[in-house]
Amino acid sequence: MAVPKKKTSRRVRNNRRSTHALTRPAYVEDKDSGELRRPHHVDLKTGMYRGRQVLTPKGETTA
């Protein structure tokens, strides 16, 4: 069984654990609709991404 040679200090231990904190997901206001959406994600209601039509809007069907 592996045994550490030296005791890990509180500073080193806490620095390693500093990345474990939970963060809230970021939201930005949409320029066109004014609704909140995730940055760098496609708007599912309109199907727009970076000013271009990428998907067909939700509820709209193509025949």
PDB file of N, CA and C in Angstrom:
ATOM      1  N   MET A   1       0.835  -1.181   0.000  1.00  0.00           N
ATOM      2  CA  MET A   1       0.000   0.000   0.000  1.00  0.00           C
ATOM      3  C   MET A   1       0.879   1.244   0.000  1.00  0.00           C
ATOM      4  N   ALA A   2       0.517   2.218  -0.811  1.00  0.00           N
ATOM      5  CA  ALA A   2       1.309   3.442  -0.905  1.00  0.00           C
ATOM      6  C   ALA A   2       1.068   4.324   0.309  1.00  0.00           C
ATOM      7  N   VAL A   3       2.164   4.836   0.851  1.00  0.00           N
ATOM      8  CA  VAL A   3       2.093   5.712   2.011  1.00  0.00           C
ATOM      9  C   VAL A   3       2.798   7.013   1.653  1.00  0.00           C
ATOM     10  N   PRO A   4       2.154   8.179   1.876  1.00  0.00           N
ATOM     11  CA  PRO A   4       2.813   9.440   1.534  1.00  0.00           C
ATOM     12  C   PRO A   4       4.021   9.699   2.430  1.00  0.00           C
ATOM     13  N   LYS A   5       5.080  10.279   1.836  1.00  0.00           N
ATOM     14  CA  LYS A   5       6.284  10.567   2.615  1.00  0.00           C
ATOM     15  C   LYS A   5       6.085  11.738   3.552  1.00  0.00           C
ATOM     16  N   LYS A   6       5.302  12.748   3.103  1.00  0.00           N
ATOM     17  CA  LYS A   6       5.095  13.940   3.913  1.00  0.00           C
ATOM     18  C   LYS A   6       3.607  14.236   4.032  1.00  0.00           C
ATOM     19  N   LYS A   7       3.265  14.923   5.106  1.00  0.00           N
ATOM     20  CA  LYS A   7       1.877  15.327   5.299  1.00  0.00           C
ATOM     21  C   LYS A   7       1.531  16.439   4.309  1.00  0.00           C
ATOM     22  N   THR A   8       0.381  16.331   3.675  1.00  0.00           N
ATOM     23  CA  THR A   8      -0.087  17.378   2.769  1.00  0.00           C
ATOM     24  C   THR A   8      -0.599  18.549   3.587  1.00  0.00           C
ATOM     25  N   SER A   9      -0.069  19.742   3.308  1.00  0.00           N
ATOM     26  CA  SER A   9      -0.465  20.911   4.078  1.00  0.00           C
ATOM     27  C   SER A   9      -1.888  21.332   3.717  1.00  0.00           C
ATOM     28  N   ARG A  10      -2.500  22.106   4.600  1.00  0.00           N
ATOM     29  CA  ARG A  10      -3.862  22.578   4.340  1.00  0.00           C
ATOM     30  C   ARG A  10      -3.907  23.448   3.099  1.00  0.00           C
ATOM     31  N   ARG A  11      -2.868  24.217   2.871  1.00  0.00           N
ATOM     32  CA  ARG A  11      -2.825  25.102   1.712  1.00  0.00           C
ATOM     33  C   ARG A  11      -2.836  24.302   0.407  1.00  0.00           C
ATOM     34  N   VAL A  12      -2.024  23.285   0.314  1.00  0.00           N
ATOM     35  CA  VAL A  12      -1.963  22.463  -0.889  1.00  0.00           C
ATOM     36  C   VAL A  12      -3.263  21.700  -1.070  1.00  0.00           C
ATOM     37  N   ARG A  13      -3.793  21.151   0.011  1.00  0.00           N
ATOM     38  CA  ARG A  13      -5.043  20.393  -0.055  1.00  0.00           C
ATOM     39  C   ARG A  13      -6.197  21.272  -0.514  1.00  0.00           C
ATOM     40  N   ASN A  14      -6.313  22.477   0.059  1.00  0.00           N
ATOM     41  CA  ASN A  14      -7.415  23.367  -0.289  1.00  0.00           C
ATOM     42  C   ASN A  14      -7.272  23.934  -1.697  1.00  0.00           C
ATOM     43  N   ASN A  15      -6.029  24.180  -2.153  1.00  0.00           N
ATOM     44  CA  ASN A  15      -5.824  24.635  -3.525  1.00  0.00           C
ATOM     45  C   ASN A  15      -6.271  23.566  -4.506  1.00  0.00           C
ATOM     46  N   ARG A  16      -6.031  22.316  -4.202  1.00  0.00           N
ATOM     47  CA  ARG A  16      -6.444  21.227  -5.080  1.00  0.00           C
ATOM     48  C   ARG A  16      -7.965  21.126  -5.119  1.00  0.00           C
ATOM     49  N   ARG A  17      -8.612  21.376  -4.017  1.00  0.00           N
ATOM     50  CA  ARG A  17     -10.071  21.254  -3.935  1.00  0.00           C
ATOM     51  C   ARG A  17     -10.803  22.509  -4.397  1.00  0.00           C
ATOM     52  N   SER A  18     -10.077  23.567  -4.729  1.00  0.00           N
ATOM     53  CA  SER A  18     -10.732  24.826  -5.091  1.00  0.00           C
ATOM     54  C   SER A  18     -11.522  24.705  -6.386  1.00  0.00           C
ATOM     55  N   THR A  19     -11.198  23.732  -7.229  1.00  0.00           N
ATOM     56  CA  THR A  19     -11.921  23.560  -8.488  1.00  0.00           C
ATOM     57  C   THR A  19     -13.197  22.747  -8.312  1.00  0.00           C
ATOM     58  N   HIS A  20     -13.487  22.282  -7.129  1.00  0.00           N
ATOM     59  CA  HIS A  20     -14.666  21.455  -6.893  1.00  0.00           C
ATOM     60  C   HIS A  20     -15.919  22.279  -6.644  1.00  0.00           C
ATOM     61  N   ALA A  21     -15.786  23.592  -6.540  1.00  0.00           N
ATOM     62  CA  ALA A  21     -16.928  24.442  -6.222  1.00  0.00           C
ATOM     63  C   ALA A  21     -17.934  24.429  -7.365  1.00  0.00           C
ATOM     64  N   LEU A  22     -19.217  24.478  -7.026  1.00  0.00           N
ATOM     65  CA  LEU A  22     -20.285  24.499  -8.018  1.00  0.00           C
ATOM     66  C   LEU A  22     -20.528  25.937  -8.473  1.00  0.00           C
ATOM     67  N   THR A  23     -20.762  26.111  -9.766  1.00  0.00           N
ATOM     68  CA  THR A  23     -21.063  27.431 -10.303  1.00  0.00           C
ATOM     69  C   THR A  23     -22.397  27.375 -11.044  1.00  0.00           C
ATOM     70  N   ARG A  24     -23.096  28.495 -11.062  1.00  0.00           N
ATOM     71  CA  ARG A  24     -24.367  28.567 -11.777  1.00  0.00           C
ATOM     72  C   ARG A  24     -24.078  28.715 -13.268  1.00  0.00           C
ATOM     73  N   PRO A  25     -24.908  28.126 -14.115  1.00  0.00           N
ATOM     74  CA  PRO A  25     -24.699  28.289 -15.548  1.00  0.00           C
ATOM     75  C   PRO A  25     -24.958  29.730 -15.979  1.00  0.00           C
ATOM     76  N   ALA A  26     -24.156  30.207 -16.908  1.00  0.00           N
ATOM     77  CA  ALA A  26     -24.265  31.584 -17.378  1.00  0.00           C
ATOM     78  C   ALA A  26     -25.408  31.706 -18.386  1.00  0.00           C
ATOM     79  N   TYR A  27     -26.080  32.830 -18.358  1.00  0.00           N
ATOM     80  CA  TYR A  27     -27.142  33.133 -19.316  1.00  0.00           C
ATOM     81  C   TYR A  27     -26.907  34.528 -19.862  1.00  0.00           C
ATOM     82  N   VAL A  28     -27.222  34.713 -21.138  1.00  0.00           N
ATOM     83  CA  VAL A  28     -27.127  36.023 -21.761  1.00  0.00           C
ATOM     84  C   VAL A  28     -28.486  36.368 -22.350  1.00  0.00           C
ATOM     85  N   GLU A  29     -28.728  37.664 -22.507  1.00  0.00           N
ATOM     86  CA  GLU A  29     -29.989  38.112 -23.090  1.00  0.00           C
ATOM     87  C   GLU A  29     -29.884  38.048 -24.605  1.00  0.00           C
ATOM     88  N   ASP A  30     -30.871  37.431 -25.247  1.00  0.00           N
ATOM     89  CA  ASP A  30     -30.890  37.308 -26.699  1.00  0.00           C
ATOM     90  C   ASP A  30     -31.140  38.676 -27.325  1.00  0.00           C
ATOM     91  N   LYS A  31     -30.391  38.996 -28.380  1.00  0.00           N
ATOM     92  CA  LYS A  31     -30.519  40.311 -29.018  1.00  0.00           C
ATOM     93  C   LYS A  31     -31.878  40.496 -29.686  1.00  0.00           C
ATOM     94  N   ASP A  32     -32.387  39.436 -30.329  1.00  0.00           N
ATOM     95  CA  ASP A  32     -33.632  39.562 -31.088  1.00  0.00           C
ATOM     96  C   ASP A  32     -34.866  39.458 -30.212  1.00  0.00           C
ATOM     97  N   SER A  33     -34.949  38.375 -29.432  1.00  0.00           N
ATOM     98  CA  SER A  33     -36.171  38.132 -28.659  1.00  0.00           C
ATOM     99  C   SER A  33     -36.123  38.730 -27.260  1.00  0.00           C
ATOM    100  N   GLY A  34     -34.925  38.984 -26.723  1.00  0.00           N
ATOM    101  CA  GLY A  34     -34.813  39.529 -25.374  1.00  0.00           C
ATOM    102  C   GLY A  34     -34.908  38.480 -24.285  1.00  0.00           C
ATOM    103  N   GLU A  35     -35.045  37.212 -24.655  1.00  0.00           N
ATOM    104  CA  GLU A  35     -35.130  36.147 -23.663  1.00  0.00           C
ATOM    105  C   GLU A  35     -33.738  35.688 -23.261  1.00  0.00           C
ATOM    106  N   LEU A  36     -33.655  35.042 -22.091  1.00  0.00           N
ATOM    107  CA  LEU A  36     -32.376  34.521 -21.628  1.00  0.00           C
ATOM    108  C   LEU A  36     -32.081  33.192 -22.312  1.00  0.00           C
ATOM    109  N   ARG A  37     -30.815  33.013 -22.693  1.00  0.00           N
ATOM    110  CA  ARG A  37     -30.392  31.756 -23.301  1.00  0.00           C
ATOM    111  C   ARG A  37     -28.943  31.504 -22.917  1.00  0.00           C
ATOM    112  N   ARG A  38     -28.489  30.258 -23.083  1.00  0.00           N
ATOM    113  CA  ARG A  38     -27.103  29.908 -22.791  1.00  0.00           C
ATOM    114  C   ARG A  38     -26.198  30.457 -23.890  1.00  0.00           C
ATOM    115  N   PRO A  39     -25.036  31.005 -23.535  1.00  0.00           N
ATOM    116  CA  PRO A  39     -24.128  31.484 -24.572  1.00  0.00           C
ATOM    117  C   PRO A  39     -23.550  30.316 -25.369  1.00  0.00           C
ATOM    118  N   HIS A  40     -23.311  30.532 -26.661  1.00  0.00           N
ATOM    119  CA  HIS A  40     -22.742  29.537 -27.576  1.00  0.00           C
ATOM    120  C   HIS A  40     -23.656  28.332 -27.767  1.00  0.00           C
ATOM    121  N   HIS A  41     -24.970  28.524 -27.605  1.00  0.00           N
ATOM    122  CA  HIS A  41     -25.948  27.463 -27.825  1.00  0.00           C
ATOM    123  C   HIS A  41     -26.990  27.940 -28.836  1.00  0.00           C
ATOM    124  N   VAL A  42     -27.586  27.008 -29.541  1.00  0.00           N
ATOM    125  CA  VAL A  42     -28.634  27.329 -30.505  1.00  0.00           C
ATOM    126  C   VAL A  42     -29.912  27.662 -29.750  1.00  0.00           C
ATOM    127  N   ASP A  43     -30.611  28.712 -30.190  1.00  0.00           N
ATOM    128  CA  ASP A  43     -31.911  29.060 -29.628  1.00  0.00           C
ATOM    129  C   ASP A  43     -32.934  28.111 -30.237  1.00  0.00           C
ATOM    130  N   LEU A  44     -33.507  27.221 -29.444  1.00  0.00           N
ATOM    131  CA  LEU A  44     -34.399  26.193 -29.965  1.00  0.00           C
ATOM    132  C   LEU A  44     -35.730  26.749 -30.440  1.00  0.00           C
ATOM    133  N   LYS A  45     -36.166  27.885 -29.890  1.00  0.00           N
ATOM    134  CA  LYS A  45     -37.449  28.447 -30.305  1.00  0.00           C
ATOM    135  C   LYS A  45     -37.368  29.029 -31.711  1.00  0.00           C
ATOM    136  N   THR A  46     -36.280  29.738 -32.014  1.00  0.00           N
ATOM    137  CA  THR A  46     -36.143  30.368 -33.317  1.00  0.00           C
ATOM    138  C   THR A  46     -35.238  29.593 -34.258  1.00  0.00           C
ATOM    139  N   GLY A  47     -34.363  28.749 -33.722  1.00  0.00           N
ATOM    140  CA  GLY A  47     -33.431  27.989 -34.550  1.00  0.00           C
ATOM    141  C   GLY A  47     -32.245  28.798 -35.022  1.00  0.00           C
ATOM    142  N   MET A  48     -32.002  29.943 -34.400  1.00  0.00           N
ATOM    143  CA  MET A  48     -30.916  30.825 -34.823  1.00  0.00           C
ATOM    144  C   MET A  48     -29.665  30.569 -33.994  1.00  0.00           C
ATOM    145  N   TYR A  49     -28.496  30.727 -34.648  1.00  0.00           N
ATOM    146  CA  TYR A  49     -27.210  30.665 -33.972  1.00  0.00           C
ATOM    147  C   TYR A  49     -26.270  31.632 -34.667  1.00  0.00           C
ATOM    148  N   ARG A  50     -25.752  32.601 -33.935  1.00  0.00           N
ATOM    149  CA  ARG A  50     -24.848  33.619 -34.449  1.00  0.00           C
ATOM    150  C   ARG A  50     -25.420  34.339 -35.662  1.00  0.00           C
ATOM    151  N   GLY A  51     -26.719  34.648 -35.616  1.00  0.00           N
ATOM    152  CA  GLY A  51     -27.353  35.414 -36.667  1.00  0.00           C
ATOM    153  C   GLY A  51     -27.756  34.626 -37.896  1.00  0.00           C
ATOM    154  N   ARG A  52     -27.583  33.301 -37.872  1.00  0.00           N
ATOM    155  CA  ARG A  52     -27.947  32.467 -39.022  1.00  0.00           C
ATOM    156  C   ARG A  52     -29.008  31.458 -38.616  1.00  0.00           C
ATOM    157  N   GLN A  53     -29.859  31.077 -39.576  1.00  0.00           N
ATOM    158  CA  GLN A  53     -30.885  30.057 -39.347  1.00  0.00           C
ATOM    159  C   GLN A  53     -30.213  28.694 -39.453  1.00  0.00           C
ATOM    160  N   VAL A  54     -30.113  27.968 -38.331  1.00  0.00           N
ATOM    161  CA  VAL A  54     -29.426  26.686 -38.298  1.00  0.00           C
ATOM    162  C   VAL A  54     -30.428  25.536 -38.259  1.00  0.00           C
ATOM    163  N   LEU A  55     -31.480  25.686 -37.459  1.00  0.00           N
ATOM    164  CA  LEU A  55     -32.506  24.654 -37.307  1.00  0.00           C
ATOM    165  C   LEU A  55     -33.854  25.220 -37.722  1.00  0.00           C
ATOM    166  N   THR A  56     -34.774  24.310 -38.021  1.00  0.00           N
ATOM    167  CA  THR A  56     -36.139  24.770 -38.245  1.00  0.00           C
ATOM    168  C   THR A  56     -36.749  25.109 -36.892  1.00  0.00           C
ATOM    169  N   PRO A  57     -37.479  26.209 -36.794  1.00  0.00           N
ATOM    170  CA  PRO A  57     -38.051  26.613 -35.506  1.00  0.00           C
ATOM    171  C   PRO A  57     -38.984  25.548 -34.938  1.00  0.00           C
ATOM    172  N   LYS A  58     -39.068  25.497 -33.626  1.00  0.00           N
ATOM    173  CA  LYS A  58     -39.916  24.531 -32.941  1.00  0.00           C
ATOM    174  C   LYS A  58     -41.375  24.804 -33.285  1.00  0.00           C
ATOM    175  N   GLY A  59     -42.119  23.756 -33.600  1.00  0.00           N
ATOM    176  CA  GLY A  59     -43.533  23.903 -33.941  1.00  0.00           C
ATOM    177  C   GLY A  59     -43.765  24.081 -35.425  1.00  0.00           C
ATOM    178  N   GLU A  60     -42.728  24.397 -36.165  1.00  0.00           N
ATOM    179  CA  GLU A  60     -42.868  24.569 -37.603  1.00  0.00           C
ATOM    180  C   GLU A  60     -42.466  23.251 -38.268  1.00  0.00           C
ATOM    181  N   THR A  61     -43.337  22.727 -39.120  1.00  0.00           N
ATOM    182  CA  THR A  61     -43.061  21.460 -39.780  1.00  0.00           C
ATOM    183  C   THR A  61     -42.795  21.691 -41.245  1.00  0.00           C
ATOM    184  N   THR A  62     -41.940  20.874 -41.814  1.00  0.00           N
ATOM    185  CA  THR A  62     -41.669  20.944 -43.250  1.00  0.00           C
ATOM    186  C   THR A  62     -42.320  19.745 -43.937  1.00  0.00           C
ATOM    187  N   ALA A  63     -43.055  20.013 -44.977  1.00  0.00           N
ATOM    188  CA  ALA A  63     -43.768  18.954 -45.672  1.00  0.00           C
ATOM    189  C   ALA A  63     -42.985  18.427 -46.835  1.00  0.00           C
TER     190      ALA A  63
END
